[in-house]
Amino acid sequence: MSTLIPAFLTPLGRAWLLGFELRSTLAPEAVFAAAATPEALSTWFPCHVSGSFTAGGELSFRFEGASREEDLVLPGTLVSLDAIDGGAVPDRWAIDWAGDLLTLAVSDAPGGGSLARVSARIDQLGRAARDAAGWHVCVAALARELGDPAAPGDAEWEPLFASYAQAFGPDAATELPPGR
């Protein structure tokens, strides 16, 4: 079973840090394996990821059904893949996705199980509510993979956007996804 905690937004110099916490009864190794392998990403990430899953490896992010060729693939890099506290099994990665820095770190949770932290460094406050709603849907898909049948799905984007716009303020809700 897992529990998704709503996003937080924190100023980070000239950028913003948007983050989520996902608590699970599973061991950290199981959560990282369910979240961070190339195969696992297909269950919760918003697009297909391919490339070299080694530190410094080039990645491609493909969105299916985009209408223009330049919208289909975004470049990226697996910035780091390592173990927190020097462990033998990787439990943290960072990805540069077309300028945004995405991170996933999984650790032991107080009282047992694990705590997964998913965050995105974004450069524009106006994207915060949009990106929070989108990443909330994605991290909720990961929560469903980890055994939480009540986690919200894609149909919940609109109310999540409205909730984050209210929580973060109107300046954080000036950008919408294409077509909305």
Protein backbone atom coordinates (compact mmCIF):
# COMPACT_ATOMS: atom_id res chain seq x y z
CA MET A 1 0.00 0.00 0.00
CA SER A 2 1.16 3.56 -0.62
CA THR A 3 0.09 7.10 0.25
CA LEU A 4 0.72 10.15 -1.94
CA ILE A 5 1.18 13.48 -0.17
CA PRO A 6 0.15 16.57 -2.24
CA ALA A 7 2.86 18.67 -3.86
CA PHE A 8 4.87 21.38 -2.22
CA LEU A 9 6.39 24.38 -4.00
CA THR A 10 9.55 26.08 -2.73
CA PRO A 11 11.57 28.97 -4.18
CA LEU A 12 15.01 27.82 -5.29
CA GLY A 13 17.05 30.87 -6.30
CA ARG A 14 15.61 31.98 -9.65
CA ALA A 15 13.80 28.66 -10.05
CA TRP A 16 11.19 26.69 -8.12
CA LEU A 17 11.24 23.23 -6.60
CA LEU A 18 8.04 21.24 -7.02
CA GLY A 19 8.01 18.05 -5.00
CA PHE A 20 5.97 15.06 -3.88
CA GLU A 21 6.34 12.41 -1.23
CA LEU A 22 5.02 8.89 -1.64
CA ARG A 23 5.01 6.60 1.38
CA SER A 24 4.91 2.85 0.82
CA THR A 25 4.86 -0.25 2.96
CA LEU A 26 7.33 -1.82 0.51
CA ALA A 27 11.09 -1.82 1.05
CA PRO A 28 13.04 1.04 -0.63
CA GLU A 29 14.69 -1.37 -3.09
CA ALA A 30 11.28 -2.59 -4.28
CA VAL A 31 9.96 0.96 -4.70
CA PHE A 32 13.05 2.09 -6.61
CA ALA A 33 12.80 -0.96 -8.89
CA ALA A 34 9.09 -0.21 -9.46
CA ALA A 35 9.82 3.44 -10.25
CA ALA A 36 13.21 3.95 -11.83
CA THR A 37 14.04 1.17 -14.26
CA PRO A 38 13.38 1.78 -17.97
CA GLU A 39 10.56 -0.78 -17.90
CA ALA A 40 9.04 0.66 -14.72
CA LEU A 41 8.99 4.21 -16.09
CA SER A 42 6.42 3.13 -18.68
CA THR A 43 3.88 2.57 -15.89
CA TRP A 44 3.93 6.07 -14.44
CA PHE A 45 6.08 8.52 -16.43
CA PRO A 46 4.19 10.88 -18.80
CA CYS A 47 6.07 9.69 -21.90
CA HIS A 48 8.24 6.88 -23.23
CA VAL A 49 11.86 7.17 -22.05
CA SER A 50 14.70 5.53 -23.95
CA GLY A 51 18.45 5.79 -24.04
CA SER A 52 21.38 5.00 -21.80
CA PHE A 53 20.36 4.47 -18.18
CA THR A 54 23.86 5.07 -16.87
CA ALA A 55 25.14 8.27 -15.24
CA GLY A 56 25.79 10.79 -18.01
CA GLY A 57 23.75 8.77 -20.54
CA GLU A 58 21.68 10.52 -23.18
CA LEU A 59 17.91 9.99 -22.99
CA SER A 60 14.97 10.70 -25.29
CA PHE A 61 11.46 11.49 -24.05
CA ARG A 62 8.84 10.57 -26.66
CA PHE A 63 5.26 11.77 -26.43
CA GLU A 64 2.93 9.63 -28.53
CA GLY A 65 0.37 11.38 -30.72
CA ALA A 66 1.94 14.84 -30.77
CA SER A 67 0.90 16.76 -33.87
CA ARG A 68 4.25 18.36 -34.83
CA GLU A 69 7.57 16.56 -35.23
CA GLU A 70 9.41 18.94 -32.88
CA ASP A 71 6.88 18.12 -30.14
CA LEU A 72 7.43 14.35 -30.33
CA VAL A 73 10.87 13.98 -28.73
CA LEU A 74 12.60 15.98 -26.01
CA PRO A 75 16.28 15.45 -25.18
CA GLY A 76 17.62 14.65 -21.75
CA THR A 77 20.45 13.19 -19.74
CA LEU A 78 20.58 10.81 -16.80
CA VAL A 79 22.60 13.21 -14.65
CA SER A 80 23.18 10.79 -11.79
CA LEU A 81 22.31 7.29 -10.66
CA ASP A 82 23.65 6.45 -7.25
CA ALA A 83 23.01 5.08 -3.81
CA ILE A 84 22.10 7.27 -0.88
CA ASP A 85 24.58 6.80 1.97
CA GLY A 86 26.89 4.75 -0.25
CA GLY A 87 24.71 1.63 -0.40
CA ALA A 88 25.29 -1.06 -2.99
CA VAL A 89 21.90 -0.70 -4.74
CA PRO A 90 20.98 2.55 -6.56
CA ASP A 91 18.13 4.40 -4.90
CA ARG A 92 18.42 7.89 -6.36
CA TRP A 93 18.54 9.37 -9.85
CA ALA A 94 18.39 12.78 -11.42
CA ILE A 95 17.37 13.48 -15.00
CA ASP A 96 17.80 16.64 -17.03
CA TRP A 97 14.64 16.74 -19.11
CA ALA A 98 14.87 19.60 -21.60
CA GLY A 99 16.14 21.92 -18.87
CA ASP A 100 14.04 20.73 -15.94
CA LEU A 101 15.87 18.68 -13.33
CA LEU A 102 13.78 15.71 -12.19
CA THR A 103 14.86 13.70 -9.18
CA LEU A 104 13.72 10.51 -7.52
CA ALA A 105 15.13 9.40 -4.18
CA VAL A 106 13.87 6.44 -2.16
CA SER A 107 14.84 5.89 1.45
CA ASP A 108 13.71 4.07 4.57
CA ALA A 109 10.65 5.69 6.14
CA PRO A 110 10.40 6.24 9.86
CA GLY A 111 8.41 3.35 11.29
CA GLY A 112 9.14 1.03 8.34
CA GLY A 113 8.53 0.88 4.63
CA SER A 114 9.89 3.55 2.34
CA LEU A 115 9.60 7.18 1.39
CA ALA A 116 9.96 8.17 -2.27
CA ARG A 117 10.60 11.81 -3.04
CA VAL A 118 9.90 12.96 -6.59
CA SER A 119 10.79 16.55 -7.46
CA ALA A 120 11.11 18.83 -10.45
CA ARG A 121 13.10 22.05 -10.64
CA ILE A 122 11.14 24.40 -12.89
CA ASP A 123 12.22 27.80 -14.16
CA GLN A 124 8.86 29.59 -14.35
CA LEU A 125 6.42 30.09 -11.48
CA GLY A 126 3.51 30.23 -13.96
CA ARG A 127 4.02 26.51 -14.71
CA ALA A 128 3.76 25.39 -11.08
CA ALA A 129 0.05 24.50 -10.87
CA ARG A 130 0.06 22.89 -14.32
CA ASP A 131 3.18 20.85 -13.62
CA ALA A 132 2.01 19.94 -10.09
CA ALA A 133 -1.28 18.58 -11.45
CA GLY A 134 0.54 16.65 -14.17
CA TRP A 135 3.19 15.20 -11.88
CA HIS A 136 0.51 14.43 -9.27
CA VAL A 137 -1.28 12.26 -11.85
CA CYS A 138 2.03 10.59 -12.74
CA VAL A 139 3.12 9.93 -9.15
CA ALA A 140 -0.43 8.67 -8.44
CA ALA A 141 0.07 6.13 -11.24
CA LEU A 142 3.21 5.00 -9.43
CA ALA A 143 1.17 4.78 -6.21
CA ARG A 144 -1.32 2.53 -8.02
CA GLU A 145 1.58 0.34 -9.19
CA LEU A 146 2.64 0.09 -5.55
CA GLY A 147 -0.84 -1.01 -4.45
CA ASP A 148 -2.94 2.13 -3.86
CA PRO A 149 -6.16 1.64 -5.87
CA ALA A 150 -7.54 5.01 -4.70
CA ALA A 151 -4.79 7.15 -6.28
CA PRO A 152 -6.26 9.66 -8.80
CA GLY A 153 -6.02 9.06 -12.55
CA ASP A 154 -5.73 11.24 -15.66
CA ALA A 155 -9.36 12.34 -15.39
CA GLU A 156 -8.46 14.12 -12.15
CA TRP A 157 -6.09 16.63 -13.82
CA GLU A 158 -8.61 19.51 -13.93
CA PRO A 159 -9.56 19.42 -10.23
CA LEU A 160 -5.91 18.91 -9.27
CA PHE A 161 -4.94 21.94 -11.36
CA ALA A 162 -7.64 24.03 -9.66
CA SER A 163 -6.50 22.84 -6.23
CA TYR A 164 -2.84 23.64 -6.91
CA ALA A 165 -3.74 27.01 -8.46
CA GLN A 166 -5.57 27.88 -5.24
CA ALA A 167 -2.78 26.54 -3.02
CA PHE A 168 0.12 28.15 -4.93
CA GLY A 169 -1.67 31.38 -5.99
CA PRO A 170 -2.72 32.88 -9.34
CA ASP A 171 0.85 33.66 -10.46
CA ALA A 172 1.55 29.91 -10.33
CA ALA A 173 -1.31 29.09 -12.72
CA THR A 174 -0.66 31.19 -15.81
CA GLU A 175 0.40 28.31 -18.10
CA LEU A 176 -1.82 25.48 -19.29
CA PRO A 177 -0.90 22.42 -21.31
CA PRO A 178 -1.30 22.68 -25.11
CA GLY A 179 -4.92 22.30 -26.13
CA ARG A 180 -6.46 23.33 -22.79
